[in-house]
Amino acid sequence: MVKHRCGWIDFTRRVGACSAPAAIMRENTLKQRLYAGKAAFGVMCTFPSPTVVEMLGYLGFDWILLDNEHGSITVDTAEACIAAAELTGMAPLVRPVGNKPEIIAPFLDRGAWGVQVPHVNTAAEARAAVDAVKYAPEGHRGIFSGGRPARYGFEGTTADYAVDANRETLVCLMLEEVEAIENLSEMVTVPGVDVYFIGSGDLSQSMGHTGQQTHPDVQRVMEPCSLSSRIQSNPR
């Protein structure tokens, strides 16, 4: 008889001697790859098909973006797609429709390894995204340790899970307006952000060149040297 966070469970078979606590959440291989300076190749899926997601994983992609913003992926349909991605070792991310805790948290509770938050234009909005993703003390995400990411509460404590989740969950912010590029020097000072991702489609629209991602003006803004100079211009 062992005590679970939701009550007592009677195991009829001995499962072995106690050992040192292990990490509760899966290791985020995408974060590991990015922080090691390695390229990570991904694919987007706009419709809920676990079979297609699994097939894409076996093709060798490092990550998949399940699109709730422009696609038909919902909280209810995301979980099976996330499980299919995990089966192949492909990191499942979700692009929520907006930068709000009540939109972001349900996807994380169903196992998403991270979120790609659209239309983040200021440091305050970047902090809001991190706050929605991270548990205390790094954020204010509502605690839930009985779902898939926490192995349904069968291993470790709630506190252990919160530490693992804060470490393993990826925060990606989309820069999709001129305002975001202009504020980049302040945005990169926000702790807890792992990736800044340029959305060239909306960026081109905000520059008056809708649909022209290859327009010289748009390309000029996206050049690494241009972005680097904006970051270095931060007086701090």
C-alpha atoms as a PDB file:
ATOM      1  CA  MET A   1       0.000   0.000   0.000  1.00  0.00           C
ATOM      2  CA  VAL A   2       1.472   3.344  -1.012  1.00  0.00           C
ATOM      3  CA  LYS A   3       0.123   6.837  -0.738  1.00  0.00           C
ATOM      4  CA  HIS A   4      -0.577   8.673  -3.976  1.00  0.00           C
ATOM      5  CA  ARG A   5      -1.320  12.387  -4.086  1.00  0.00           C
ATOM      6  CA  CYS A   6      -4.921  11.497  -4.946  1.00  0.00           C
ATOM      7  CA  GLY A   7      -5.291   8.753  -2.286  1.00  0.00           C
ATOM      8  CA  TRP A   8      -4.035   5.253  -1.410  1.00  0.00           C
ATOM      9  CA  ILE A   9      -3.129   2.635  -4.014  1.00  0.00           C
ATOM     10  CA  ASP A  10      -2.638  -1.058  -3.300  1.00  0.00           C
ATOM     11  CA  PHE A  11       0.058  -2.737  -5.414  1.00  0.00           C
ATOM     12  CA  THR A  12      -0.057  -6.536  -5.426  1.00  0.00           C
ATOM     13  CA  ARG A  13       3.410  -6.900  -6.917  1.00  0.00           C
ATOM     14  CA  ARG A  14       6.683  -5.644  -5.549  1.00  0.00           C
ATOM     15  CA  VAL A  15       8.316  -3.305  -8.027  1.00  0.00           C
ATOM     16  CA  GLY A  16      11.825  -3.308  -6.610  1.00  0.00           C
ATOM     17  CA  ALA A  17      13.889  -1.529  -4.015  1.00  0.00           C
ATOM     18  CA  CYS A  18      13.734   2.199  -3.528  1.00  0.00           C
ATOM     19  CA  SER A  19      16.239   4.242  -5.469  1.00  0.00           C
ATOM     20  CA  ALA A  20      17.255   7.862  -5.758  1.00  0.00           C
ATOM     21  CA  PRO A  21      14.512  10.138  -7.136  1.00  0.00           C
ATOM     22  CA  ALA A  22      14.623  10.468 -10.908  1.00  0.00           C
ATOM     23  CA  ALA A  23      13.329  13.268 -13.077  1.00  0.00           C
ATOM     24  CA  ILE A  24       9.561  13.098 -13.467  1.00  0.00           C
ATOM     25  CA  MET A  25       9.202  14.813 -16.829  1.00  0.00           C
ATOM     26  CA  ARG A  26      10.752  13.617 -20.050  1.00  0.00           C
ATOM     27  CA  GLU A  27      13.965  15.381 -20.995  1.00  0.00           C
ATOM     28  CA  ASN A  28      13.308  18.058 -23.580  1.00  0.00           C
ATOM     29  CA  THR A  29      15.619  16.907 -26.359  1.00  0.00           C
ATOM     30  CA  LEU A  30      14.846  20.021 -28.388  1.00  0.00           C
ATOM     31  CA  LYS A  31      16.068  22.326 -25.626  1.00  0.00           C
ATOM     32  CA  GLN A  32      19.165  20.188 -25.218  1.00  0.00           C
ATOM     33  CA  ARG A  33      19.865  20.370 -28.923  1.00  0.00           C
ATOM     34  CA  LEU A  34      19.388  24.129 -29.130  1.00  0.00           C
ATOM     35  CA  TYR A  35      21.538  24.895 -26.096  1.00  0.00           C
ATOM     36  CA  ALA A  36      24.238  22.653 -27.519  1.00  0.00           C
ATOM     37  CA  GLY A  37      24.311  24.920 -30.563  1.00  0.00           C
ATOM     38  CA  LYS A  38      22.965  22.256 -32.919  1.00  0.00           C
ATOM     39  CA  ALA A  39      20.467  22.744 -35.726  1.00  0.00           C
ATOM     40  CA  ALA A  40      16.940  21.511 -35.061  1.00  0.00           C
ATOM     41  CA  PHE A  41      14.639  20.704 -37.955  1.00  0.00           C
ATOM     42  CA  GLY A  42      10.890  20.911 -37.476  1.00  0.00           C
ATOM     43  CA  VAL A  43       7.558  20.709 -39.228  1.00  0.00           C
ATOM     44  CA  MET A  44       4.121  22.257 -38.679  1.00  0.00           C
ATOM     45  CA  CYS A  45       0.844  20.362 -38.523  1.00  0.00           C
ATOM     46  CA  THR A  46      -2.419  22.303 -38.729  1.00  0.00           C
ATOM     47  CA  PHE A  47      -4.886  19.430 -38.337  1.00  0.00           C
ATOM     48  CA  PRO A  48      -5.263  16.799 -35.604  1.00  0.00           C
ATOM     49  CA  SER A  49      -3.977  13.483 -36.898  1.00  0.00           C
ATOM     50  CA  PRO A  50      -1.887  11.367 -34.496  1.00  0.00           C
ATOM     51  CA  THR A  51      -1.065   9.014 -37.373  1.00  0.00           C
ATOM     52  CA  VAL A  52       0.381  11.812 -39.501  1.00  0.00           C
ATOM     53  CA  VAL A  53       2.294  13.173 -36.505  1.00  0.00           C
ATOM     54  CA  GLU A  54       3.786   9.756 -35.844  1.00  0.00           C
ATOM     55  CA  MET A  55       4.780   9.377 -39.499  1.00  0.00           C
ATOM     56  CA  LEU A  56       6.483  12.790 -39.440  1.00  0.00           C
ATOM     57  CA  GLY A  57       8.407  11.727 -36.355  1.00  0.00           C
ATOM     58  CA  TYR A  58       9.707   8.629 -38.093  1.00  0.00           C
ATOM     59  CA  LEU A  59      10.885  10.838 -40.958  1.00  0.00           C
ATOM     60  CA  GLY A  60      13.433  12.258 -38.529  1.00  0.00           C
ATOM     61  CA  PHE A  61      12.143  15.710 -37.591  1.00  0.00           C
ATOM     62  CA  ASP A  62      13.402  17.044 -34.260  1.00  0.00           C
ATOM     63  CA  TRP A  63      10.202  18.904 -33.400  1.00  0.00           C
ATOM     64  CA  ILE A  64       6.649  19.461 -34.562  1.00  0.00           C
ATOM     65  CA  LEU A  65       4.482  22.547 -34.139  1.00  0.00           C
ATOM     66  CA  LEU A  66       0.819  21.742 -33.552  1.00  0.00           C
ATOM     67  CA  ASP A  67      -1.031  24.844 -34.713  1.00  0.00           C
ATOM     68  CA  ASN A  68      -3.920  26.113 -32.623  1.00  0.00           C
ATOM     69  CA  GLU A  69      -3.654  29.675 -33.970  1.00  0.00           C
ATOM     70  CA  HIS A  70      -4.356  29.035 -37.646  1.00  0.00           C
ATOM     71  CA  GLY A  71      -5.110  25.304 -37.652  1.00  0.00           C
ATOM     72  CA  SER A  72      -7.822  23.069 -36.220  1.00  0.00           C
ATOM     73  CA  ILE A  73      -5.731  21.735 -33.335  1.00  0.00           C
ATOM     74  CA  THR A  74      -7.648  22.125 -30.057  1.00  0.00           C
ATOM     75  CA  VAL A  75      -6.948  21.255 -26.438  1.00  0.00           C
ATOM     76  CA  ASP A  76      -9.068  18.119 -26.826  1.00  0.00           C
ATOM     77  CA  THR A  77      -7.304  16.899 -29.971  1.00  0.00           C
ATOM     78  CA  ALA A  78      -3.759  17.950 -29.047  1.00  0.00           C
ATOM     79  CA  GLU A  79      -3.102  15.287 -26.437  1.00  0.00           C
ATOM     80  CA  ALA A  80      -3.167  12.297 -28.808  1.00  0.00           C
ATOM     81  CA  CYS A  81      -0.942  14.175 -31.267  1.00  0.00           C
ATOM     82  CA  ILE A  82       1.504  15.015 -28.474  1.00  0.00           C
ATOM     83  CA  ALA A  83       1.646  11.358 -27.415  1.00  0.00           C
ATOM     84  CA  ALA A  84       2.261  10.306 -31.029  1.00  0.00           C
ATOM     85  CA  ALA A  85       5.172  12.738 -31.309  1.00  0.00           C
ATOM     86  CA  GLU A  86       6.678  11.491 -28.042  1.00  0.00           C
ATOM     87  CA  LEU A  87       6.463   7.917 -29.321  1.00  0.00           C
ATOM     88  CA  THR A  88       8.998   8.766 -32.024  1.00  0.00           C
ATOM     89  CA  GLY A  89      11.189  11.056 -29.914  1.00  0.00           C
ATOM     90  CA  MET A  90      10.024  14.199 -31.715  1.00  0.00           C
ATOM     91  CA  ALA A  91       9.455  17.217 -29.474  1.00  0.00           C
ATOM     92  CA  PRO A  92       5.799  18.395 -29.581  1.00  0.00           C
ATOM     93  CA  LEU A  93       5.228  22.151 -29.364  1.00  0.00           C
ATOM     94  CA  VAL A  94       1.932  24.002 -29.602  1.00  0.00           C
ATOM     95  CA  ARG A  95       1.249  27.436 -31.057  1.00  0.00           C
ATOM     96  CA  PRO A  96      -1.665  28.763 -28.986  1.00  0.00           C
ATOM     97  CA  VAL A  97      -4.076  31.271 -30.419  1.00  0.00           C
ATOM     98  CA  GLY A  98      -2.989  33.944 -27.944  1.00  0.00           C
ATOM     99  CA  ASN A  99      -0.703  34.985 -25.105  1.00  0.00           C
ATOM    100  CA  LYS A 100      -2.987  34.277 -22.158  1.00  0.00           C
ATOM    101  CA  PRO A 101      -2.572  31.806 -19.263  1.00  0.00           C
ATOM    102  CA  GLU A 102      -6.006  30.257 -19.791  1.00  0.00           C
ATOM    103  CA  ILE A 103      -5.061  29.514 -23.410  1.00  0.00           C
ATOM    104  CA  ILE A 104      -1.486  28.328 -22.837  1.00  0.00           C
ATOM    105  CA  ALA A 105      -1.782  26.190 -19.698  1.00  0.00           C
ATOM    106  CA  PRO A 106      -4.266  23.568 -20.982  1.00  0.00           C
ATOM    107  CA  PHE A 107      -1.876  22.551 -23.774  1.00  0.00           C
ATOM    108  CA  LEU A 108       1.002  22.208 -21.323  1.00  0.00           C
ATOM    109  CA  ASP A 109      -1.192  20.161 -18.978  1.00  0.00           C
ATOM    110  CA  ARG A 110      -1.786  17.762 -21.866  1.00  0.00           C
ATOM    111  CA  GLY A 111       1.903  17.243 -22.395  1.00  0.00           C
ATOM    112  CA  ALA A 112       3.210  19.850 -24.833  1.00  0.00           C
ATOM    113  CA  TRP A 113       6.948  20.252 -24.383  1.00  0.00           C
ATOM    114  CA  GLY A 114       6.668  23.949 -25.030  1.00  0.00           C
ATOM    115  CA  VAL A 115       4.728  26.713 -26.708  1.00  0.00           C
ATOM    116  CA  GLN A 116       5.401  29.087 -29.581  1.00  0.00           C
ATOM    117  CA  VAL A 117       3.528  32.218 -28.538  1.00  0.00           C
ATOM    118  CA  PRO A 118       2.442  34.446 -31.435  1.00  0.00           C
ATOM    119  CA  HIS A 119       2.579  38.238 -31.757  1.00  0.00           C
ATOM    120  CA  VAL A 120       4.840  39.074 -28.823  1.00  0.00           C
ATOM    121  CA  ASN A 121       5.956  42.682 -29.269  1.00  0.00           C
ATOM    122  CA  THR A 122       7.247  43.987 -25.945  1.00  0.00           C
ATOM    123  CA  ALA A 123       9.264  42.913 -22.920  1.00  0.00           C
ATOM    124  CA  ALA A 124       6.070  43.036 -20.846  1.00  0.00           C
ATOM    125  CA  GLU A 125       4.372  40.633 -23.241  1.00  0.00           C
ATOM    126  CA  ALA A 126       7.433  38.371 -23.148  1.00  0.00           C
ATOM    127  CA  ARG A 127       7.290  38.292 -19.351  1.00  0.00           C
ATOM    128  CA  ALA A 128       3.586  37.476 -19.522  1.00  0.00           C
ATOM    129  CA  ALA A 129       4.307  34.450 -21.733  1.00  0.00           C
ATOM    130  CA  VAL A 130       6.986  33.148 -19.376  1.00  0.00           C
ATOM    131  CA  ASP A 131       4.668  33.766 -16.425  1.00  0.00           C
ATOM    132  CA  ALA A 132       1.981  31.632 -18.076  1.00  0.00           C
ATOM    133  CA  VAL A 133       4.374  28.744 -18.777  1.00  0.00           C
ATOM    134  CA  LYS A 134       6.384  28.553 -15.568  1.00  0.00           C
ATOM    135  CA  TYR A 135       5.376  27.428 -12.104  1.00  0.00           C
ATOM    136  CA  ALA A 136       6.391  29.441  -9.021  1.00  0.00           C
ATOM    137  CA  PRO A 137       8.834  30.942  -8.298  1.00  0.00           C
ATOM    138  CA  GLU A 138       9.519  31.592 -12.007  1.00  0.00           C
ATOM    139  CA  GLY A 139       5.894  32.199 -12.942  1.00  0.00           C
ATOM    140  CA  HIS A 140       2.266  31.828 -11.920  1.00  0.00           C
ATOM    141  CA  ARG A 141       1.054  28.836 -13.913  1.00  0.00           C
ATOM    142  CA  GLY A 142      -1.660  27.011 -11.971  1.00  0.00           C
ATOM    143  CA  ILE A 143      -0.265  23.797 -10.509  1.00  0.00           C
ATOM    144  CA  PHE A 144      -1.564  20.491 -11.828  1.00  0.00           C
ATOM    145  CA  SER A 145       0.449  17.350 -11.154  1.00  0.00           C
ATOM    146  CA  GLY A 146      -2.006  14.612 -12.036  1.00  0.00           C
ATOM    147  CA  GLY A 147      -1.702  14.611 -15.819  1.00  0.00           C
ATOM    148  CA  ARG A 148       0.556  13.153 -18.497  1.00  0.00           C
ATOM    149  CA  PRO A 149       3.517  15.512 -18.033  1.00  0.00           C
ATOM    150  CA  ALA A 150       3.733  14.503 -14.353  1.00  0.00           C
ATOM    151  CA  ARG A 151       3.214  10.803 -15.137  1.00  0.00           C
ATOM    152  CA  TYR A 152      -0.229  11.088 -13.557  1.00  0.00           C
ATOM    153  CA  GLY A 153       1.257  11.730 -10.136  1.00  0.00           C
ATOM    154  CA  PHE A 154       2.656   8.217  -9.676  1.00  0.00           C
ATOM    155  CA  GLU A 155       6.266   9.383  -9.328  1.00  0.00           C
ATOM    156  CA  GLY A 156       7.808  12.040  -7.130  1.00  0.00           C
ATOM    157  CA  THR A 157       6.125  14.957  -5.455  1.00  0.00           C
ATOM    158  CA  THR A 158       4.265  17.944  -6.800  1.00  0.00           C
ATOM    159  CA  ALA A 159       7.254  20.102  -5.886  1.00  0.00           C
ATOM    160  CA  ASP A 160       9.579  17.779  -7.826  1.00  0.00           C
ATOM    161  CA  TYR A 161       7.340  17.994 -10.865  1.00  0.00           C
ATOM    162  CA  ALA A 162       7.206  21.798 -10.742  1.00  0.00           C
ATOM    163  CA  VAL A 163      11.003  21.981 -10.762  1.00  0.00           C
ATOM    164  CA  ASP A 164      11.210  19.548 -13.688  1.00  0.00           C
ATOM    165  CA  ALA A 165       8.523  21.401 -15.638  1.00  0.00           C
ATOM    166  CA  ASN A 166      10.235  24.758 -15.242  1.00  0.00           C
ATOM    167  CA  ARG A 167      13.500  23.248 -16.447  1.00  0.00           C
ATOM    168  CA  GLU A 168      12.190  21.205 -19.373  1.00  0.00           C
ATOM    169  CA  THR A 169       9.374  23.321 -20.858  1.00  0.00           C
ATOM    170  CA  LEU A 170      10.434  25.470 -23.819  1.00  0.00           C
ATOM    171  CA  VAL A 171       9.304  29.071 -24.280  1.00  0.00           C
ATOM    172  CA  CYS A 172       9.409  30.331 -27.870  1.00  0.00           C
ATOM    173  CA  LEU A 173       8.219  33.826 -28.737  1.00  0.00           C
ATOM    174  CA  MET A 174       7.220  34.882 -32.226  1.00  0.00           C
ATOM    175  CA  LEU A 175       8.406  38.255 -33.515  1.00  0.00           C
ATOM    176  CA  GLU A 176       5.823  39.155 -36.130  1.00  0.00           C
ATOM    177  CA  GLU A 177       5.583  42.951 -36.183  1.00  0.00           C
ATOM    178  CA  VAL A 178       7.993  45.820 -36.687  1.00  0.00           C
ATOM    179  CA  GLU A 179       7.285  46.779 -33.072  1.00  0.00           C
ATOM    180  CA  ALA A 180       8.797  43.496 -31.890  1.00  0.00           C
ATOM    181  CA  ILE A 181      11.990  44.045 -33.895  1.00  0.00           C
ATOM    182  CA  GLU A 182      12.299  47.571 -32.520  1.00  0.00           C
ATOM    183  CA  ASN A 183      11.864  46.286 -28.946  1.00  0.00           C
ATOM    184  CA  LEU A 184      14.151  43.279 -29.332  1.00  0.00           C
ATOM    185  CA  SER A 185      16.982  44.746 -27.258  1.00  0.00           C
ATOM    186  CA  GLU A 186      14.692  44.875 -24.216  1.00  0.00           C
ATOM    187  CA  MET A 187      12.906  41.624 -24.944  1.00  0.00           C
ATOM    188  CA  VAL A 188      16.095  39.550 -24.883  1.00  0.00           C
ATOM    189  CA  THR A 189      16.696  40.585 -21.268  1.00  0.00           C
ATOM    190  CA  VAL A 190      13.571  38.733 -20.114  1.00  0.00           C
ATOM    191  CA  PRO A 191      14.598  35.557 -18.241  1.00  0.00           C
ATOM    192  CA  GLY A 192      12.990  32.254 -19.139  1.00  0.00           C
ATOM    193  CA  VAL A 193      12.744  32.719 -22.914  1.00  0.00           C
ATOM    194  CA  ASP A 194      14.506  30.028 -24.934  1.00  0.00           C
ATOM    195  CA  VAL A 195      13.788  31.007 -28.546  1.00  0.00           C
ATOM    196  CA  TYR A 196      12.879  34.140 -30.499  1.00  0.00           C
ATOM    197  CA  PHE A 197      11.272  33.065 -33.760  1.00  0.00           C
ATOM    198  CA  ILE A 198      10.693  35.522 -36.613  1.00  0.00           C
ATOM    199  CA  GLY A 199       7.313  35.164 -38.309  1.00  0.00           C
ATOM    200  CA  SER A 200       8.178  36.549 -41.709  1.00  0.00           C
ATOM    201  CA  GLY A 201       4.623  36.438 -43.040  1.00  0.00           C
ATOM    202  CA  ASP A 202       3.096  38.801 -40.511  1.00  0.00           C
ATOM    203  CA  LEU A 203       6.316  40.805 -40.358  1.00  0.00           C
ATOM    204  CA  SER A 204       6.064  41.495 -44.083  1.00  0.00           C
ATOM    205  CA  GLN A 205       2.450  42.577 -43.595  1.00  0.00           C
ATOM    206  CA  SER A 206       3.386  44.968 -40.792  1.00  0.00           C
ATOM    207  CA  MET A 207       5.972  46.535 -43.108  1.00  0.00           C
ATOM    208  CA  GLY A 208       3.458  47.121 -45.894  1.00  0.00           C
ATOM    209  CA  HIS A 209       4.702  44.233 -48.042  1.00  0.00           C
ATOM    210  CA  THR A 210       2.001  41.647 -47.381  1.00  0.00           C
ATOM    211  CA  GLY A 211       3.027  38.185 -48.513  1.00  0.00           C
ATOM    212  CA  GLN A 212       6.418  39.378 -49.754  1.00  0.00           C
ATOM    213  CA  GLN A 213       8.765  37.705 -47.305  1.00  0.00           C
ATOM    214  CA  THR A 214      11.600  37.979 -49.826  1.00  0.00           C
ATOM    215  CA  HIS A 215      11.167  41.728 -50.266  1.00  0.00           C
ATOM    216  CA  PRO A 216      14.546  43.449 -49.728  1.00  0.00           C
ATOM    217  CA  ASP A 217      13.195  45.558 -46.858  1.00  0.00           C
ATOM    218  CA  VAL A 218      11.865  42.496 -45.044  1.00  0.00           C
ATOM    219  CA  GLN A 219      15.041  40.515 -45.634  1.00  0.00           C
ATOM    220  CA  ARG A 220      17.128  43.432 -44.397  1.00  0.00           C
ATOM    221  CA  VAL A 221      15.272  43.517 -41.082  1.00  0.00           C
ATOM    222  CA  MET A 222      15.690  39.765 -40.630  1.00  0.00           C
ATOM    223  CA  GLU A 223      19.421  39.682 -41.358  1.00  0.00           C
ATOM    224  CA  PRO A 224      21.402  38.360 -38.371  1.00  0.00           C
ATOM    225  CA  CYS A 225      23.706  41.373 -38.362  1.00  0.00           C
ATOM    226  CA  SER A 226      20.715  43.723 -38.212  1.00  0.00           C
ATOM    227  CA  LEU A 227      19.146  41.820 -35.330  1.00  0.00           C
ATOM    228  CA  SER A 228      22.480  41.600 -33.539  1.00  0.00           C
ATOM    229  CA  SER A 229      23.002  45.351 -33.735  1.00  0.00           C
ATOM    230  CA  ARG A 230      19.558  45.936 -32.211  1.00  0.00           C
ATOM    231  CA  ILE A 231      20.368  43.617 -29.321  1.00  0.00           C
ATOM    232  CA  GLN A 232      23.769  45.211 -28.704  1.00  0.00           C
ATOM    233  CA  SER A 233      22.231  48.669 -28.686  1.00  0.00           C
ATOM    234  CA  ASN A 234      20.644  47.905 -25.309  1.00  0.00           C
ATOM    235  CA  PRO A 235      22.454  50.231 -22.850  1.00  0.00           C
ATOM    236  CA  ARG A 236      22.282  47.594 -20.133  1.00  0.00           C
END
